[in-house]
Structure formats: structure tokens, C-alpha cells
């Protein structure tokens, strides 16, 4: 249940890039401070995203990519605990196809295909998307 789909999602998620940021800083690939100058969080994020994209594209089994995957899977997601929970409740899960989106799925649907929007437009776009999904979910 948690096999390749979860691995594929994890590889494509922003979670990997955020986790890689910490790995890159620890590995010394990115320095937060230079004498007399400190990088902003946005500069650090852009640098780590660029390094992650190039490293993942050209060497997906690199030790830093493996460390990032391990940190994301075990640290932030706690996949082992999730797997244990799913095994425990496996016989009690009921799959029921719906004719419209469930209200419980709205937060997840807002994450799918999410692109960063900066400035005041972000809150407006998120509120509009949430309202539209809630209207669809509630019929």
C-alpha cells in the first residue's frame, strides 16, 4: 500500500526539496552566512532547489538524495509508523466511490499541482480554490 506510489510522490513533492535544504546546509553545499553578509531564506531555498534538481536529475542515487529521502520518509512522514497503522486497520478500511469530492479531501486537493504564488495574490488564490472545492464537496 505504501510502495512505489508513495516513493514517486515523495520524489516529486516539495517535502523532498525542503528536507534537502537542511541536508545541503549540513553538507556544506550552502552557506547561510558570509562575512558581513547573510543570505535570506529565499536565497537559500533557491540555491538548494537548484542543487537538488540537478543532483536528482543526474545522480538520483547520490548519498545526499538518499539521506534526504531517509529524513523525509522517517523523520517528517514517519512511514514505518504509518505502515504499522495501515496494517492494523487494513480489514476495517471501506472504499466507497463518491460522485463528488469529499470535504475531507479538500486540503489534499489544494496541494495537488500547487505552484508558488508570491505576494497578496497567494491568499486570494488559496481562498478562492478552497471555496470552489468546498462548494463542489457540499453539492
N, C-alpha and C. Protein backbone atom coordinates (compact mmCIF):
# COMPACT_ATOMS: atom_id res chain seq x y z
N UNK A 1 0.83 -1.20 0.00
CA UNK A 1 0.00 0.00 0.00
C UNK A 1 0.87 1.26 0.00
N UNK A 2 2.05 1.17 0.60
CA UNK A 2 2.92 2.34 0.69
C UNK A 2 4.08 2.27 -0.29
N UNK A 3 4.04 1.36 -1.23
CA UNK A 3 5.17 1.09 -2.10
C UNK A 3 5.57 2.20 -3.04
N UNK A 4 5.56 1.90 -4.33
CA UNK A 4 6.09 2.80 -5.34
C UNK A 4 5.33 4.12 -5.45
N UNK A 5 4.02 4.09 -5.23
CA UNK A 5 3.25 5.33 -5.33
C UNK A 5 3.74 6.36 -4.33
N UNK A 6 3.99 5.90 -3.11
CA UNK A 6 4.48 6.81 -2.08
C UNK A 6 5.88 7.30 -2.43
N UNK A 7 6.73 6.42 -2.91
CA UNK A 7 8.09 6.80 -3.31
C UNK A 7 8.03 7.83 -4.44
N UNK A 8 7.17 7.59 -5.43
CA UNK A 8 7.04 8.53 -6.55
C UNK A 8 6.54 9.88 -6.05
N UNK A 9 5.55 9.86 -5.17
CA UNK A 9 5.02 11.11 -4.62
C UNK A 9 6.11 11.84 -3.84
N UNK A 10 6.82 11.11 -3.03
CA UNK A 10 7.86 11.71 -2.21
C UNK A 10 8.93 12.36 -3.09
N UNK A 11 9.33 11.69 -4.16
CA UNK A 11 10.36 12.24 -5.05
C UNK A 11 9.90 13.54 -5.71
N UNK A 12 8.61 13.66 -5.99
CA UNK A 12 8.09 14.83 -6.68
C UNK A 12 7.59 15.92 -5.73
N UNK A 13 7.55 15.65 -4.46
CA UNK A 13 6.94 16.59 -3.52
C UNK A 13 7.90 17.69 -3.09
N UNK A 14 7.33 18.77 -2.63
CA UNK A 14 8.12 19.88 -2.09
C UNK A 14 8.79 19.46 -0.79
N UNK A 15 8.27 18.42 -0.16
CA UNK A 15 8.84 17.93 1.09
C UNK A 15 10.30 17.51 0.89
N UNK A 16 10.60 16.87 -0.23
CA UNK A 16 11.97 16.45 -0.50
C UNK A 16 12.89 17.67 -0.64
N UNK A 17 12.43 18.67 -1.34
CA UNK A 17 13.27 19.85 -1.53
C UNK A 17 13.50 20.58 -0.21
N UNK A 18 12.48 20.66 0.63
CA UNK A 18 12.67 21.33 1.92
C UNK A 18 13.60 20.52 2.82
N UNK A 19 13.49 19.21 2.74
CA UNK A 19 14.37 18.36 3.54
C UNK A 19 15.79 18.42 2.99
N UNK A 20 15.93 18.47 1.66
CA UNK A 20 17.25 18.57 1.04
C UNK A 20 17.95 19.85 1.47
N UNK A 21 17.19 20.89 1.65
CA UNK A 21 17.77 22.17 2.09
C UNK A 21 18.60 21.96 3.35
N UNK A 22 18.04 21.26 4.32
CA UNK A 22 18.77 21.00 5.57
C UNK A 22 20.00 20.13 5.32
N UNK A 23 19.85 19.10 4.48
CA UNK A 23 20.98 18.22 4.16
C UNK A 23 22.09 19.01 3.46
N UNK A 24 21.73 19.91 2.55
CA UNK A 24 22.72 20.69 1.81
C UNK A 24 23.47 21.65 2.74
N UNK A 25 22.75 22.21 3.70
CA UNK A 25 23.41 23.12 4.65
C UNK A 25 24.38 22.33 5.53
N UNK A 26 23.94 21.18 6.02
CA UNK A 26 24.80 20.35 6.87
C UNK A 26 26.01 19.86 6.09
N UNK A 27 25.82 19.50 4.82
CA UNK A 27 26.91 19.01 3.99
C UNK A 27 27.87 20.12 3.55
N UNK A 28 27.50 21.36 3.78
CA UNK A 28 28.36 22.48 3.43
C UNK A 28 28.20 22.97 1.99
N UNK A 29 27.17 22.49 1.30
CA UNK A 29 26.93 22.94 -0.07
C UNK A 29 26.38 24.36 -0.11
N UNK A 30 25.71 24.74 0.95
CA UNK A 30 25.10 26.07 1.02
C UNK A 30 25.53 26.70 2.34
N UNK A 31 25.99 27.92 2.26
CA UNK A 31 26.37 28.64 3.47
C UNK A 31 25.35 29.73 3.72
N UNK A 32 24.87 29.78 4.94
CA UNK A 32 23.86 30.79 5.28
C UNK A 32 24.50 32.15 5.50
N UNK A 33 25.71 32.13 6.02
CA UNK A 33 26.36 33.39 6.37
C UNK A 33 27.72 33.50 5.70
N UNK A 34 27.96 34.68 5.15
CA UNK A 34 29.28 35.04 4.66
C UNK A 34 29.73 36.21 5.52
N UNK A 35 31.02 36.42 5.65
CA UNK A 35 31.46 37.55 6.47
C UNK A 35 30.82 38.85 6.02
N UNK A 36 30.09 39.47 6.94
CA UNK A 36 29.43 40.75 6.66
C UNK A 36 28.16 40.65 5.85
N UNK A 37 27.71 39.43 5.55
CA UNK A 37 26.54 39.28 4.69
C UNK A 37 25.82 37.98 5.05
N UNK A 38 24.51 38.04 5.16
CA UNK A 38 23.73 36.83 5.45
C UNK A 38 22.71 36.62 4.36
N UNK A 39 22.59 35.38 3.91
CA UNK A 39 21.62 35.06 2.85
C UNK A 39 20.21 35.06 3.44
N UNK A 40 19.26 35.45 2.62
CA UNK A 40 17.87 35.38 3.04
C UNK A 40 17.38 33.94 2.90
N UNK A 41 16.29 33.62 3.54
CA UNK A 41 15.70 32.28 3.42
C UNK A 41 15.35 31.95 1.98
N UNK A 42 14.90 32.95 1.25
CA UNK A 42 14.54 32.74 -0.15
C UNK A 42 15.76 32.40 -1.00
N UNK A 43 16.89 33.07 -0.73
CA UNK A 43 18.12 32.78 -1.47
C UNK A 43 18.61 31.36 -1.17
N UNK A 44 18.52 30.96 0.08
CA UNK A 44 18.94 29.61 0.47
C UNK A 44 18.03 28.59 -0.20
N UNK A 45 16.73 28.85 -0.20
CA UNK A 45 15.78 27.93 -0.82
C UNK A 45 16.04 27.81 -2.32
N UNK A 46 16.27 28.92 -2.99
CA UNK A 46 16.54 28.88 -4.44
C UNK A 46 17.81 28.09 -4.73
N UNK A 47 18.85 28.31 -3.94
CA UNK A 47 20.11 27.58 -4.13
C UNK A 47 19.92 26.09 -3.90
N UNK A 48 19.24 25.73 -2.81
CA UNK A 48 19.07 24.31 -2.51
C UNK A 48 18.16 23.64 -3.53
N UNK A 49 17.12 24.34 -4.01
CA UNK A 49 16.24 23.77 -5.03
C UNK A 49 17.01 23.50 -6.32
N UNK A 50 17.86 24.42 -6.70
CA UNK A 50 18.66 24.26 -7.92
C UNK A 50 19.61 23.07 -7.78
N UNK A 51 20.31 22.98 -6.67
CA UNK A 51 21.23 21.87 -6.44
C UNK A 51 20.46 20.55 -6.42
N UNK A 52 19.32 20.52 -5.74
CA UNK A 52 18.51 19.30 -5.67
C UNK A 52 18.08 18.85 -7.07
N UNK A 53 17.55 19.78 -7.86
CA UNK A 53 17.05 19.43 -9.19
C UNK A 53 18.17 18.84 -10.06
N UNK A 54 19.33 19.48 -10.06
CA UNK A 54 20.45 19.00 -10.88
C UNK A 54 20.95 17.66 -10.36
N UNK A 55 21.13 17.55 -9.05
CA UNK A 55 21.64 16.31 -8.47
C UNK A 55 20.66 15.16 -8.69
N UNK A 56 19.37 15.41 -8.49
CA UNK A 56 18.36 14.36 -8.67
C UNK A 56 18.27 13.92 -10.14
N UNK A 57 18.41 14.88 -11.04
CA UNK A 57 18.32 14.55 -12.47
C UNK A 57 19.52 13.73 -12.93
N UNK A 58 20.71 14.08 -12.47
CA UNK A 58 21.92 13.45 -12.98
C UNK A 58 22.44 12.29 -12.12
N UNK A 59 22.10 12.30 -10.84
CA UNK A 59 22.59 11.24 -9.97
C UNK A 59 21.55 10.97 -8.86
N UNK A 60 20.41 10.35 -9.23
CA UNK A 60 19.31 10.16 -8.28
C UNK A 60 19.65 9.26 -7.09
N UNK A 61 20.74 8.50 -7.17
CA UNK A 61 21.13 7.66 -6.04
C UNK A 61 22.27 8.27 -5.23
N UNK A 62 22.52 9.55 -5.40
CA UNK A 62 23.58 10.23 -4.67
C UNK A 62 23.33 10.12 -3.16
N UNK A 63 24.38 10.10 -2.39
CA UNK A 63 24.27 9.92 -0.95
C UNK A 63 23.41 11.03 -0.31
N UNK A 64 23.48 12.25 -0.82
CA UNK A 64 22.64 13.32 -0.25
C UNK A 64 21.17 13.13 -0.60
N UNK A 65 20.88 12.62 -1.78
CA UNK A 65 19.49 12.33 -2.16
C UNK A 65 18.97 11.19 -1.28
N UNK A 66 19.80 10.17 -1.05
CA UNK A 66 19.41 9.07 -0.18
C UNK A 66 19.16 9.56 1.25
N UNK A 67 20.04 10.42 1.75
CA UNK A 67 19.87 10.96 3.10
C UNK A 67 18.60 11.80 3.19
N UNK A 68 18.33 12.56 2.14
CA UNK A 68 17.12 13.38 2.12
C UNK A 68 15.87 12.51 2.13
N UNK A 69 15.88 11.47 1.30
CA UNK A 69 14.74 10.55 1.24
C UNK A 69 14.53 9.89 2.61
N UNK A 70 15.62 9.48 3.24
CA UNK A 70 15.54 8.85 4.56
C UNK A 70 14.96 9.83 5.59
N UNK A 71 15.48 11.06 5.60
CA UNK A 71 14.98 12.06 6.55
C UNK A 71 13.51 12.37 6.32
N UNK A 72 13.13 12.53 5.06
CA UNK A 72 11.74 12.86 4.75
C UNK A 72 10.81 11.70 5.10
N UNK A 73 11.22 10.48 4.77
CA UNK A 73 10.36 9.31 4.99
C UNK A 73 10.25 8.94 6.46
N UNK A 74 11.33 9.03 7.18
CA UNK A 74 11.30 8.59 8.57
C UNK A 74 11.13 9.73 9.56
N UNK A 75 11.66 10.88 9.21
CA UNK A 75 11.58 11.99 10.14
C UNK A 75 10.27 12.73 10.08
N UNK A 76 9.91 13.18 8.88
CA UNK A 76 8.72 14.01 8.75
C UNK A 76 7.45 13.21 8.52
N UNK A 77 7.53 12.15 7.72
CA UNK A 77 6.33 11.37 7.42
C UNK A 77 6.13 10.21 8.39
N UNK A 78 7.21 9.69 8.94
CA UNK A 78 7.17 8.52 9.83
C UNK A 78 6.45 7.36 9.14
N UNK A 79 7.00 6.95 7.99
CA UNK A 79 6.40 5.92 7.16
C UNK A 79 6.27 4.59 7.90
N UNK A 80 7.26 4.26 8.73
CA UNK A 80 7.18 2.99 9.47
C UNK A 80 5.93 2.95 10.35
N UNK A 81 5.70 4.04 11.05
CA UNK A 81 4.52 4.11 11.93
C UNK A 81 3.23 4.10 11.11
N UNK A 82 3.23 4.82 10.00
CA UNK A 82 2.06 4.83 9.11
C UNK A 82 1.78 3.43 8.57
N UNK A 83 2.83 2.73 8.14
CA UNK A 83 2.67 1.36 7.64
C UNK A 83 2.10 0.44 8.70
N UNK A 84 2.59 0.56 9.92
CA UNK A 84 2.08 -0.27 11.03
C UNK A 84 0.60 0.03 11.27
N UNK A 85 0.24 1.30 11.24
CA UNK A 85 -1.16 1.69 11.45
C UNK A 85 -2.04 1.13 10.34
N UNK A 86 -1.60 1.22 9.09
CA UNK A 86 -2.40 0.71 7.97
C UNK A 86 -2.55 -0.82 8.03
N UNK A 87 -1.50 -1.50 8.44
CA UNK A 87 -1.61 -2.97 8.59
C UNK A 87 -2.63 -3.33 9.67
N UNK A 88 -2.64 -2.54 10.73
CA UNK A 88 -3.56 -2.79 11.84
C UNK A 88 -5.02 -2.57 11.45
N UNK A 89 -5.28 -1.58 10.60
CA UNK A 89 -6.67 -1.25 10.24
C UNK A 89 -7.09 -1.78 8.88
N UNK A 90 -6.23 -2.53 8.22
CA UNK A 90 -6.47 -3.00 6.86
C UNK A 90 -7.86 -3.62 6.68
N UNK A 91 -8.29 -4.45 7.58
CA UNK A 91 -9.57 -5.14 7.45
C UNK A 91 -10.77 -4.22 7.69
N UNK A 92 -10.51 -3.03 8.20
CA UNK A 92 -11.61 -2.12 8.55
C UNK A 92 -11.75 -0.94 7.57
N UNK A 93 -10.92 -0.91 6.53
CA UNK A 93 -10.99 0.16 5.55
C UNK A 93 -12.07 -0.18 4.52
N UNK A 94 -12.96 0.77 4.30
CA UNK A 94 -14.03 0.59 3.32
C UNK A 94 -13.84 1.64 2.23
N UNK A 95 -13.65 1.17 1.00
CA UNK A 95 -13.51 2.07 -0.14
C UNK A 95 -14.89 2.30 -0.72
N UNK A 96 -15.28 3.56 -0.81
CA UNK A 96 -16.60 3.89 -1.32
C UNK A 96 -16.46 5.00 -2.37
N UNK A 97 -16.67 4.66 -3.64
CA UNK A 97 -16.58 5.70 -4.68
C UNK A 97 -17.66 6.77 -4.47
N UNK A 98 -17.29 8.01 -4.64
CA UNK A 98 -18.21 9.12 -4.46
C UNK A 98 -18.47 9.81 -5.79
N UNK A 99 -19.63 10.43 -5.92
CA UNK A 99 -19.93 11.14 -7.16
C UNK A 99 -19.38 12.57 -7.14
N UNK A 100 -18.87 13.01 -6.00
CA UNK A 100 -18.21 14.32 -5.91
C UNK A 100 -17.12 14.23 -4.83
N UNK A 101 -16.30 15.24 -4.77
CA UNK A 101 -15.18 15.25 -3.83
C UNK A 101 -15.69 15.28 -2.38
N UNK A 102 -15.01 14.54 -1.53
CA UNK A 102 -15.35 14.51 -0.11
C UNK A 102 -14.79 15.78 0.56
N UNK A 103 -15.51 16.36 1.51
CA UNK A 103 -14.97 17.53 2.24
C UNK A 103 -13.64 17.21 2.93
N UNK A 104 -13.42 15.95 3.28
CA UNK A 104 -12.17 15.57 3.92
C UNK A 104 -10.99 15.64 2.96
N UNK A 105 -11.26 15.61 1.66
CA UNK A 105 -10.20 15.61 0.66
C UNK A 105 -9.81 17.02 0.22
N UNK A 106 -10.53 18.04 0.65
CA UNK A 106 -10.26 19.40 0.19
C UNK A 106 -8.82 19.83 0.47
N UNK A 107 -8.28 19.66 1.68
CA UNK A 107 -6.89 20.08 1.90
C UNK A 107 -5.90 19.37 0.96
N UNK A 108 -6.12 18.08 0.71
CA UNK A 108 -5.23 17.34 -0.17
C UNK A 108 -5.37 17.84 -1.61
N UNK A 109 -6.59 18.11 -2.04
CA UNK A 109 -6.81 18.59 -3.40
C UNK A 109 -6.17 19.96 -3.62
N UNK A 110 -6.10 20.77 -2.58
CA UNK A 110 -5.46 22.07 -2.70
C UNK A 110 -3.95 21.95 -2.91
N UNK A 111 -3.37 20.84 -2.46
CA UNK A 111 -1.93 20.62 -2.60
C UNK A 111 -1.54 20.10 -3.98
N UNK A 112 -2.44 19.42 -4.66
CA UNK A 112 -2.12 18.80 -5.94
C UNK A 112 -1.85 19.88 -6.99
N UNK A 113 -0.70 19.79 -7.61
CA UNK A 113 -0.34 20.74 -8.67
C UNK A 113 -0.12 22.15 -8.18
N UNK A 114 0.13 22.30 -6.91
CA UNK A 114 0.29 23.63 -6.33
C UNK A 114 1.55 24.29 -6.87
N UNK A 115 1.40 25.50 -7.31
CA UNK A 115 2.51 26.31 -7.78
C UNK A 115 2.66 27.49 -6.84
N UNK A 116 3.89 27.89 -6.55
CA UNK A 116 4.06 29.02 -5.63
C UNK A 116 3.55 30.33 -6.23
N UNK A 117 2.79 31.06 -5.42
CA UNK A 117 2.31 32.38 -5.80
C UNK A 117 2.80 33.32 -4.71
N UNK A 118 3.46 34.38 -5.10
CA UNK A 118 4.02 35.29 -4.13
C UNK A 118 3.18 36.56 -4.05
N UNK A 119 3.23 37.21 -2.91
CA UNK A 119 2.52 38.47 -2.72
C UNK A 119 1.10 38.25 -2.22
N UNK A 120 0.29 39.28 -2.36
CA UNK A 120 -1.08 39.24 -1.85
C UNK A 120 -1.96 38.28 -2.62
N UNK A 121 -1.61 37.98 -3.85
CA UNK A 121 -2.42 37.09 -4.68
C UNK A 121 -2.49 35.68 -4.12
N UNK A 122 -1.51 35.30 -3.32
CA UNK A 122 -1.47 33.93 -2.80
C UNK A 122 -2.68 33.63 -1.93
N UNK A 123 -2.94 34.49 -0.95
CA UNK A 123 -4.07 34.25 -0.05
C UNK A 123 -5.39 34.28 -0.80
N UNK A 124 -5.52 35.17 -1.74
CA UNK A 124 -6.74 35.27 -2.53
C UNK A 124 -6.95 34.01 -3.36
N UNK A 125 -5.89 33.55 -4.03
CA UNK A 125 -5.99 32.34 -4.86
C UNK A 125 -6.32 31.11 -4.02
N UNK A 126 -5.69 30.98 -2.86
CA UNK A 126 -5.96 29.83 -1.98
C UNK A 126 -7.40 29.89 -1.45
N UNK A 127 -7.86 31.05 -1.07
CA UNK A 127 -9.23 31.18 -0.56
C UNK A 127 -10.25 30.85 -1.66
N UNK A 128 -10.00 31.32 -2.88
CA UNK A 128 -10.91 31.04 -3.98
C UNK A 128 -10.93 29.54 -4.30
N UNK A 129 -9.76 28.92 -4.32
CA UNK A 129 -9.69 27.48 -4.60
C UNK A 129 -10.38 26.68 -3.50
N UNK A 130 -10.19 27.08 -2.26
CA UNK A 130 -10.82 26.37 -1.14
C UNK A 130 -12.34 26.52 -1.20
N UNK A 131 -12.81 27.73 -1.50
CA UNK A 131 -14.26 27.95 -1.62
C UNK A 131 -14.87 27.11 -2.74
N UNK A 132 -14.18 27.07 -3.87
CA UNK A 132 -14.68 26.29 -5.01
C UNK A 132 -14.75 24.80 -4.68
N UNK A 133 -13.69 24.28 -4.04
CA UNK A 133 -13.68 22.86 -3.67
C UNK A 133 -14.74 22.55 -2.62
N UNK A 134 -14.95 23.45 -1.68
CA UNK A 134 -15.96 23.21 -0.65
C UNK A 134 -17.37 23.22 -1.25
N UNK A 135 -17.62 24.14 -2.20
CA UNK A 135 -18.92 24.16 -2.86
C UNK A 135 -19.16 22.85 -3.59
N UNK A 136 -18.13 22.36 -4.29
CA UNK A 136 -18.25 21.09 -5.01
C UNK A 136 -18.46 19.94 -4.04
N UNK A 137 -17.75 19.96 -2.92
CA UNK A 137 -17.85 18.86 -1.95
C UNK A 137 -19.22 18.84 -1.27
N UNK A 138 -19.76 19.99 -1.00
CA UNK A 138 -21.04 20.07 -0.29
C UNK A 138 -22.24 19.99 -1.23
N UNK A 139 -21.98 20.02 -2.52
CA UNK A 139 -23.05 19.86 -3.51
C UNK A 139 -23.68 21.15 -3.77
